[in-house]
Amino acid sequence: MGAPVSLTTAGSLEEAMEKSISLQPYVKNVSVQIDRKMLSDNFFGYGELEGRMIIAQVKIDFEGEIVSARLEYDTEKKYPLMKLI
């Protein structure tokens, strides 16, 4: 991801990501959270957003079929995975 982020900017980055994802067709609801426990500052006082830090949930409505999915870091696989919920 690489976006600069800190504890003070994480909320606005979450909101921007939600607004961006909500532009996609069929998306009815979206929430994004950045795991603040994973944030660490560099020499300049901020860190970089990584895929493993993101917890996202979406609700999709395609022609009346509604599906919910969640993106979350899988510690066993060491990879952020999307799952239907």
PDB file of N, CA and C in Angstrom:
ATOM      1  N   MET A   1       0.847  -1.162   0.000  1.00  0.00           N
ATOM      2  CA  MET A   1       0.000   0.000   0.000  1.00  0.00           C
ATOM      3  C   MET A   1       0.903   1.238   0.000  1.00  0.00           C
ATOM      4  N   GLY A   2       1.709   1.378   1.052  1.00  0.00           N
ATOM      5  CA  GLY A   2       2.700   2.429   1.088  1.00  0.00           C
ATOM      6  C   GLY A   2       2.217   3.814   1.469  1.00  0.00           C
ATOM      7  N   ALA A   3       0.917   3.996   1.723  1.00  0.00           N
ATOM      8  CA  ALA A   3       0.421   5.327   2.081  1.00  0.00           C
ATOM      9  C   ALA A   3       0.932   5.715   3.463  1.00  0.00           C
ATOM     10  N   PRO A   4       1.411   6.932   3.626  1.00  0.00           N
ATOM     11  CA  PRO A   4       1.848   7.378   4.946  1.00  0.00           C
ATOM     12  C   PRO A   4       0.648   7.429   5.897  1.00  0.00           C
ATOM     13  N   VAL A   5       0.830   6.948   7.128  1.00  0.00           N
ATOM     14  CA  VAL A   5      -0.266   6.939   8.102  1.00  0.00           C
ATOM     15  C   VAL A   5       0.297   7.029   9.510  1.00  0.00           C
ATOM     16  N   SER A   6      -0.463   7.684  10.378  1.00  0.00           N
ATOM     17  CA  SER A   6      -0.110   7.777  11.793  1.00  0.00           C
ATOM     18  C   SER A   6      -1.395   7.613  12.598  1.00  0.00           C
ATOM     19  N   LEU A   7      -1.259   7.565  13.897  1.00  0.00           N
ATOM     20  CA  LEU A   7      -2.453   7.462  14.744  1.00  0.00           C
ATOM     21  C   LEU A   7      -3.409   8.633  14.521  1.00  0.00           C
ATOM     22  N   THR A   8      -2.867   9.797  14.243  1.00  0.00           N
ATOM     23  CA  THR A   8      -3.723  10.968  14.060  1.00  0.00           C
ATOM     24  C   THR A   8      -4.384  11.029  12.683  1.00  0.00           C
ATOM     25  N   THR A   9      -3.837  10.316  11.686  1.00  0.00           N
ATOM     26  CA  THR A   9      -4.414  10.365  10.342  1.00  0.00           C
ATOM     27  C   THR A   9      -5.145   9.084   9.940  1.00  0.00           C
ATOM     28  N   ALA A  10      -5.067   8.043  10.774  1.00  0.00           N
ATOM     29  CA  ALA A  10      -5.671   6.752  10.426  1.00  0.00           C
ATOM     30  C   ALA A  10      -7.173   6.879  10.156  1.00  0.00           C
ATOM     31  N   GLY A  11      -7.879   7.659  10.963  1.00  0.00           N
ATOM     32  CA  GLY A  11      -9.326   7.817  10.784  1.00  0.00           C
ATOM     33  C   GLY A  11      -9.687   8.432   9.441  1.00  0.00           C
ATOM     34  N   SER A  12      -8.963   9.458   9.040  1.00  0.00           N
ATOM     35  CA  SER A  12      -9.277  10.095   7.759  1.00  0.00           C
ATOM     36  C   SER A  12      -8.898   9.190   6.587  1.00  0.00           C
ATOM     37  N   LEU A  13      -7.866   8.370   6.740  1.00  0.00           N
ATOM     38  CA  LEU A  13      -7.497   7.414   5.689  1.00  0.00           C
ATOM     39  C   LEU A  13      -8.562   6.323   5.566  1.00  0.00           C
ATOM     40  N   GLU A  14      -9.081   5.850   6.700  1.00  0.00           N
ATOM     41  CA  GLU A  14     -10.183   4.876   6.683  1.00  0.00           C
ATOM     42  C   GLU A  14     -11.391   5.445   5.937  1.00  0.00           C
ATOM     43  N   GLU A  15     -11.740   6.668   6.254  1.00  0.00           N
ATOM     44  CA  GLU A  15     -12.890   7.321   5.613  1.00  0.00           C
ATOM     45  C   GLU A  15     -12.677   7.473   4.108  1.00  0.00           C
ATOM     46  N   ALA A  16     -11.481   7.881   3.707  1.00  0.00           N
ATOM     47  CA  ALA A  16     -11.182   8.032   2.274  1.00  0.00           C
ATOM     48  C   ALA A  16     -11.279   6.688   1.554  1.00  0.00           C
ATOM     49  N   MET A  17     -10.780   5.629   2.184  1.00  0.00           N
ATOM     50  CA  MET A  17     -10.859   4.302   1.574  1.00  0.00           C
ATOM     51  C   MET A  17     -12.312   3.857   1.439  1.00  0.00           C
ATOM     52  N   GLU A  18     -13.119   4.112   2.457  1.00  0.00           N
ATOM     53  CA  GLU A  18     -14.547   3.760   2.399  1.00  0.00           C
ATOM     54  C   GLU A  18     -15.235   4.493   1.259  1.00  0.00           C
ATOM     55  N   LYS A  19     -14.986   5.780   1.148  1.00  0.00           N
ATOM     56  CA  LYS A  19     -15.606   6.572   0.079  1.00  0.00           C
ATOM     57  C   LYS A  19     -15.168   6.092  -1.296  1.00  0.00           C
ATOM     58  N   SER A  20     -13.910   5.728  -1.429  1.00  0.00           N
ATOM     59  CA  SER A  20     -13.390   5.249  -2.697  1.00  0.00           C
ATOM     60  C   SER A  20     -14.023   3.910  -3.086  1.00  0.00           C
ATOM     61  N   ILE A  21     -14.060   2.974  -2.140  1.00  0.00           N
ATOM     62  CA  ILE A  21     -14.646   1.657  -2.408  1.00  0.00           C
ATOM     63  C   ILE A  21     -16.133   1.774  -2.720  1.00  0.00           C
ATOM     64  N   SER A  22     -16.814   2.701  -2.062  1.00  0.00           N
ATOM     65  CA  SER A  22     -18.260   2.853  -2.264  1.00  0.00           C
ATOM     66  C   SER A  22     -18.607   3.329  -3.678  1.00  0.00           C
ATOM     67  N   LEU A  23     -17.631   3.807  -4.428  1.00  0.00           N
ATOM     68  CA  LEU A  23     -17.862   4.215  -5.815  1.00  0.00           C
ATOM     69  C   LEU A  23     -18.069   3.019  -6.741  1.00  0.00           C
ATOM     70  N   GLN A  24     -17.592   1.863  -6.326  1.00  0.00           N
ATOM     71  CA  GLN A  24     -17.690   0.664  -7.158  1.00  0.00           C
ATOM     72  C   GLN A  24     -19.154   0.270  -7.354  1.00  0.00           C
ATOM     73  N   PRO A  25     -19.483  -0.240  -8.551  1.00  0.00           N
ATOM     74  CA  PRO A  25     -20.856  -0.674  -8.787  1.00  0.00           C
ATOM     75  C   PRO A  25     -21.261  -1.779  -7.803  1.00  0.00           C
ATOM     76  N   TYR A  26     -22.509  -1.751  -7.410  1.00  0.00           N
ATOM     77  CA  TYR A  26     -23.147  -2.784  -6.576  1.00  0.00           C
ATOM     78  C   TYR A  26     -22.764  -2.727  -5.103  1.00  0.00           C
ATOM     79  N   VAL A  27     -21.834  -1.891  -4.710  1.00  0.00           N
ATOM     80  CA  VAL A  27     -21.464  -1.791  -3.302  1.00  0.00           C
ATOM     81  C   VAL A  27     -22.548  -1.003  -2.579  1.00  0.00           C
ATOM     82  N   LYS A  28     -23.140  -1.630  -1.570  1.00  0.00           N
ATOM     83  CA  LYS A  28     -24.208  -0.993  -0.801  1.00  0.00           C
ATOM     84  C   LYS A  28     -23.728  -0.488   0.553  1.00  0.00           C
ATOM     85  N   ASN A  29     -22.691  -1.123   1.076  1.00  0.00           N
ATOM     86  CA  ASN A  29     -22.174  -0.722   2.381  1.00  0.00           C
ATOM     87  C   ASN A  29     -20.706  -1.132   2.459  1.00  0.00           C
ATOM     88  N   VAL A  30     -19.905  -0.298   3.091  1.00  0.00           N
ATOM     89  CA  VAL A  30     -18.483  -0.619   3.257  1.00  0.00           C
ATOM     90  C   VAL A  30     -17.979  -0.008   4.560  1.00  0.00           C
ATOM     91  N   SER A  31     -17.126  -0.752   5.239  1.00  0.00           N
ATOM     92  CA  SER A  31     -16.439  -0.194   6.405  1.00  0.00           C
ATOM     93  C   SER A  31     -14.980  -0.634   6.342  1.00  0.00           C
ATOM     94  N   VAL A  32     -14.106   0.268   6.708  1.00  0.00           N
ATOM     95  CA  VAL A  32     -12.667   0.004   6.688  1.00  0.00           C
ATOM     96  C   VAL A  32     -12.096   0.411   8.040  1.00  0.00           C
ATOM     97  N   GLN A  33     -11.281  -0.468   8.595  1.00  0.00           N
ATOM     98  CA  GLN A  33     -10.576  -0.161   9.833  1.00  0.00           C
ATOM     99  C   GLN A  33      -9.095  -0.447   9.632  1.00  0.00           C
ATOM    100  N   ILE A  34      -8.282   0.404  10.185  1.00  0.00           N
ATOM    101  CA  ILE A  34      -6.836   0.183  10.197  1.00  0.00           C
ATOM    102  C   ILE A  34      -6.482  -0.275  11.603  1.00  0.00           C
ATOM    103  N   ASP A  35      -5.832  -1.412  11.711  1.00  0.00           N
ATOM    104  CA  ASP A  35      -5.439  -1.948  13.011  1.00  0.00           C
ATOM    105  C   ASP A  35      -4.346  -1.069  13.602  1.00  0.00           C
ATOM    106  N   ARG A  36      -4.747  -0.225  14.527  1.00  0.00           N
ATOM    107  CA  ARG A  36      -3.819   0.748  15.087  1.00  0.00           C
ATOM    108  C   ARG A  36      -2.695   0.101  15.903  1.00  0.00           C
ATOM    109  N   LYS A  37      -2.890  -1.128  16.359  1.00  0.00           N
ATOM    110  CA  LYS A  37      -1.827  -1.828  17.096  1.00  0.00           C
ATOM    111  C   LYS A  37      -0.649  -2.151  16.183  1.00  0.00           C
ATOM    112  N   MET A  38      -0.901  -2.193  14.876  1.00  0.00           N
ATOM    113  CA  MET A  38       0.165  -2.507  13.920  1.00  0.00           C
ATOM    114  C   MET A  38       0.898  -1.260  13.429  1.00  0.00           C
ATOM    115  N   LEU A  39       0.392  -0.098  13.757  1.00  0.00           N
ATOM    116  CA  LEU A  39       1.044   1.133  13.308  1.00  0.00           C
ATOM    117  C   LEU A  39       2.330   1.360  14.094  1.00  0.00           C
ATOM    118  N   SER A  40       3.360   1.728  13.398  1.00  0.00           N
ATOM    119  CA  SER A  40       4.614   2.082  14.062  1.00  0.00           C
ATOM    120  C   SER A  40       5.216   3.275  13.333  1.00  0.00           C
ATOM    121  N   ASP A  41       5.792   4.154  14.125  1.00  0.00           N
ATOM    122  CA  ASP A  41       6.366   5.376  13.571  1.00  0.00           C
ATOM    123  C   ASP A  41       7.791   5.144  13.081  1.00  0.00           C
ATOM    124  N   ASN A  42       8.131   5.843  12.008  1.00  0.00           N
ATOM    125  CA  ASN A  42       9.518   5.860  11.549  1.00  0.00           C
ATOM    126  C   ASN A  42      10.207   7.081  12.156  1.00  0.00           C
ATOM    127  N   PHE A  43      11.364   7.372  11.685  1.00  0.00           N
ATOM    128  CA  PHE A  43      12.142   8.509  12.173  1.00  0.00           C
ATOM    129  C   PHE A  43      11.358   9.827  12.071  1.00  0.00           C
ATOM    130  N   PHE A  44      10.478   9.934  11.067  1.00  0.00           N
ATOM    131  CA  PHE A  44       9.744  11.178  10.819  1.00  0.00           C
ATOM    132  C   PHE A  44       8.391  11.233  11.521  1.00  0.00           C
ATOM    133  N   GLY A  45       8.022  10.197  12.265  1.00  0.00           N
ATOM    134  CA  GLY A  45       6.813  10.240  13.073  1.00  0.00           C
ATOM    135  C   GLY A  45       5.573   9.634  12.422  1.00  0.00           C
ATOM    136  N   TYR A  46       5.756   8.852  11.376  1.00  0.00           N
ATOM    137  CA  TYR A  46       4.614   8.176  10.765  1.00  0.00           C
ATOM    138  C   TYR A  46       5.079   6.826  10.234  1.00  0.00           C
ATOM    139  N   GLY A  47       4.120   5.985   9.866  1.00  0.00           N
ATOM    140  CA  GLY A  47       4.441   4.689   9.288  1.00  0.00           C
ATOM    141  C   GLY A  47       3.810   4.573   7.913  1.00  0.00           C
ATOM    142  N   GLU A  48       3.866   3.367   7.352  1.00  0.00           N
ATOM    143  CA  GLU A  48       3.279   3.115   6.041  1.00  0.00           C
ATOM    144  C   GLU A  48       2.170   2.089   6.168  1.00  0.00           C
ATOM    145  N   LEU A  49       1.067   2.334   5.461  1.00  0.00           N
ATOM    146  CA  LEU A  49      -0.049   1.406   5.456  1.00  0.00           C
ATOM    147  C   LEU A  49       0.359   0.125   4.734  1.00  0.00           C
ATOM    148  N   GLU A  50       0.058  -1.000   5.363  1.00  0.00           N
ATOM    149  CA  GLU A  50       0.323  -2.308   4.767  1.00  0.00           C
ATOM    150  C   GLU A  50      -0.995  -3.071   4.698  1.00  0.00           C
ATOM    151  N   GLY A  51      -1.110  -3.977   3.727  1.00  0.00           N
ATOM    152  CA  GLY A  51      -2.322  -4.759   3.565  1.00  0.00           C
ATOM    153  C   GLY A  51      -2.725  -5.503   4.822  1.00  0.00           C
ATOM    154  N   ARG A  52      -1.748  -5.929   5.598  1.00  0.00           N
ATOM    155  CA  ARG A  52      -2.037  -6.690   6.810  1.00  0.00           C
ATOM    156  C   ARG A  52      -2.720  -5.852   7.892  1.00  0.00           C
ATOM    157  N   MET A  53      -2.685  -4.534   7.746  1.00  0.00           N
ATOM    158  CA  MET A  53      -3.284  -3.639   8.736  1.00  0.00           C
ATOM    159  C   MET A  53      -4.766  -3.374   8.486  1.00  0.00           C
ATOM    160  N   ILE A  54      -5.255  -3.748   7.320  1.00  0.00           N
ATOM    161  CA  ILE A  54      -6.604  -3.368   6.907  1.00  0.00           C
ATOM    162  C   ILE A  54      -7.621  -4.452   7.234  1.00  0.00           C
ATOM    163  N   ILE A  55      -8.697  -4.026   7.852  1.00  0.00           N
ATOM    164  CA  ILE A  55      -9.866  -4.875   8.075  1.00  0.00           C
ATOM    165  C   ILE A  55     -11.005  -4.171   7.360  1.00  0.00           C
ATOM    166  N   ALA A  56     -11.549  -4.804   6.339  1.00  0.00           N
ATOM    167  CA  ALA A  56     -12.603  -4.167   5.540  1.00  0.00           C
ATOM    168  C   ALA A  56     -13.777  -5.113   5.392  1.00  0.00           C
ATOM    169  N   GLN A  57     -14.960  -4.528   5.372  1.00  0.00           N
ATOM    170  CA  GLN A  57     -16.163  -5.317   5.173  1.00  0.00           C
ATOM    171  C   GLN A  57     -17.023  -4.620   4.128  1.00  0.00           C
ATOM    172  N   VAL A  58     -17.573  -5.403   3.187  1.00  0.00           N
ATOM    173  CA  VAL A  58     -18.420  -4.852   2.139  1.00  0.00           C
ATOM    174  C   VAL A  58     -19.713  -5.654   2.024  1.00  0.00           C
ATOM    175  N   LYS A  59     -20.749  -4.952   1.618  1.00  0.00           N
ATOM    176  CA  LYS A  59     -22.011  -5.605   1.278  1.00  0.00           C
ATOM    177  C   LYS A  59     -22.285  -5.267  -0.174  1.00  0.00           C
ATOM    178  N   ILE A  60     -22.483  -6.304  -0.989  1.00  0.00           N
ATOM    179  CA  ILE A  60     -22.697  -6.170  -2.422  1.00  0.00           C
ATOM    180  C   ILE A  60     -24.118  -6.606  -2.744  1.00  0.00           C
ATOM    181  N   ASP A  61     -24.810  -5.834  -3.563  1.00  0.00           N
ATOM    182  CA  ASP A  61     -26.146  -6.212  -4.039  1.00  0.00           C
ATOM    183  C   ASP A  61     -26.097  -6.242  -5.562  1.00  0.00           C
ATOM    184  N   PHE A  62     -26.116  -7.443  -6.111  1.00  0.00           N
ATOM    185  CA  PHE A  62     -26.087  -7.618  -7.555  1.00  0.00           C
ATOM    186  C   PHE A  62     -27.369  -8.321  -7.985  1.00  0.00           C
ATOM    187  N   GLU A  63     -28.200  -7.566  -8.666  1.00  0.00           N
ATOM    188  CA  GLU A  63     -29.476  -8.080  -9.175  1.00  0.00           C
ATOM    189  C   GLU A  63     -30.283  -8.775  -8.088  1.00  0.00           C
ATOM    190  N   GLY A  64     -30.309  -8.176  -6.910  1.00  0.00           N
ATOM    191  CA  GLY A  64     -31.099  -8.697  -5.802  1.00  0.00           C
ATOM    192  C   GLY A  64     -30.412  -9.747  -4.949  1.00  0.00           C
ATOM    193  N   GLU A  65     -29.263 -10.200  -5.376  1.00  0.00           N
ATOM    194  CA  GLU A  65     -28.484 -11.145  -4.574  1.00  0.00           C
ATOM    195  C   GLU A  65     -27.525 -10.347  -3.705  1.00  0.00           C
ATOM    196  N   ILE A  66     -27.618 -10.541  -2.400  1.00  0.00           N
ATOM    197  CA  ILE A  66     -26.806  -9.767  -1.463  1.00  0.00           C
ATOM    198  C   ILE A  66     -25.737 -10.673  -0.862  1.00  0.00           C
ATOM    199  N   VAL A  67     -24.508 -10.188  -0.920  1.00  0.00           N
ATOM    200  CA  VAL A  67     -23.358 -10.926  -0.390  1.00  0.00           C
ATOM    201  C   VAL A  67     -22.549  -9.981   0.489  1.00  0.00           C
ATOM    202  N   SER A  68     -22.085 -10.506   1.599  1.00  0.00           N
ATOM    203  CA  SER A  68     -21.186  -9.750   2.468  1.00  0.00           C
ATOM    204  C   SER A  68     -19.836 -10.447   2.497  1.00  0.00           C
ATOM    205  N   ALA A  69     -18.782  -9.650   2.515  1.00  0.00           N
ATOM    206  CA  ALA A  69     -17.429 -10.194   2.546  1.00  0.00           C
ATOM    207  C   ALA A  69     -16.567  -9.375   3.500  1.00  0.00           C
ATOM    208  N   ARG A  70     -15.543 -10.008   3.997  1.00  0.00           N
ATOM    209  CA  ARG A  70     -14.639  -9.356   4.951  1.00  0.00           C
ATOM    210  C   ARG A  70     -13.201  -9.639   4.532  1.00  0.00           C
ATOM    211  N   LEU A  71     -12.395  -8.589   4.521  1.00  0.00           N
ATOM    212  CA  LEU A  71     -10.959  -8.696   4.271  1.00  0.00           C
ATOM    213  C   LEU A  71     -10.259  -8.536   5.608  1.00  0.00           C
ATOM    214  N   GLU A  72      -9.392  -9.513   5.917  1.00  0.00           N
ATOM    215  CA  GLU A  72      -8.679  -9.467   7.188  1.00  0.00           C
ATOM    216  C   GLU A  72      -7.387 -10.258   7.045  1.00  0.00           C
ATOM    217  N   TYR A  73      -6.389  -9.851   7.777  1.00  0.00           N
ATOM    218  CA  TYR A  73      -5.092 -10.521   7.725  1.00  0.00           C
ATOM    219  C   TYR A  73      -5.193 -11.907   8.348  1.00  0.00           C
ATOM    220  N   ASP A  74      -4.742 -12.908   7.620  1.00  0.00           N
ATOM    221  CA  ASP A  74      -4.711 -14.278   8.105  1.00  0.00           C
ATOM    222  C   ASP A  74      -3.305 -14.544   8.628  1.00  0.00           C
ATOM    223  N   THR A  75      -3.175 -14.647   9.942  1.00  0.00           N
ATOM    224  CA  THR A  75      -1.842 -14.812  10.541  1.00  0.00           C
ATOM    225  C   THR A  75      -1.214 -16.144  10.173  1.00  0.00           C
ATOM    226  N   GLU A  76      -2.030 -17.168   9.960  1.00  0.00           N
ATOM    227  CA  GLU A  76      -1.501 -18.478   9.587  1.00  0.00           C
ATOM    228  C   GLU A  76      -0.894 -18.452   8.184  1.00  0.00           C
ATOM    229  N   LYS A  77      -1.604 -17.827   7.252  1.00  0.00           N
ATOM    230  CA  LYS A  77      -1.138 -17.755   5.869  1.00  0.00           C
ATOM    231  C   LYS A  77      -0.241 -16.545   5.624  1.00  0.00           C
ATOM    232  N   LYS A  78      -0.217 -15.635   6.596  1.00  0.00           N
ATOM    233  CA  LYS A  78       0.566 -14.401   6.502  1.00  0.00           C
ATOM    234  C   LYS A  78       0.196 -13.608   5.250  1.00  0.00           C
ATOM    235  N   TYR A  79      -1.134 -13.442   5.088  1.00  0.00           N
ATOM    236  CA  TYR A  79      -1.639 -12.766   3.893  1.00  0.00           C
ATOM    237  C   TYR A  79      -3.043 -12.233   4.177  1.00  0.00           C
ATOM    238  N   PRO A  80      -3.383 -11.035   3.685  1.00  0.00           N
ATOM    239  CA  PRO A  80      -4.748 -10.538   3.861  1.00  0.00           C
ATOM    240  C   PRO A  80      -5.701 -11.281   2.914  1.00  0.00           C
ATOM    241  N   LEU A  81      -6.734 -11.907   3.471  1.00  0.00           N
ATOM    242  CA  LEU A  81      -7.667 -12.707   2.672  1.00  0.00           C
ATOM    243  C   LEU A  81      -9.088 -12.170   2.774  1.00  0.00           C
ATOM    244  N   MET A  82      -9.807 -12.242   1.671  1.00  0.00           N
ATOM    245  CA  MET A  82     -11.218 -11.880   1.617  1.00  0.00           C
ATOM    246  C   MET A  82     -12.028 -13.164   1.803  1.00  0.00           C
ATOM    247  N   LYS A  83     -13.033 -13.111   2.670  1.00  0.00           N
ATOM    248  CA  LYS A  83     -13.906 -14.245   2.919  1.00  0.00           C
ATOM    249  C   LYS A  83     -15.355 -13.802   2.824  1.00  0.00           C
ATOM    250  N   LEU A  84     -16.194 -14.671   2.299  1.00  0.00           N
ATOM    251  CA  LEU A  84     -17.630 -14.423   2.338  1.00  0.00           C
ATOM    252  C   LEU A  84     -18.105 -14.677   3.758  1.00  0.00           C
ATOM    253  N   ILE A  85     -19.011 -13.802   4.211  1.00  0.00           N
ATOM    254  CA  ILE A  85     -19.526 -13.983   5.580  1.00  0.00           C
ATOM    255  C   ILE A  85     -21.046 -14.038   5.562  1.00  0.00           C
TER     256      ILE A  85
END
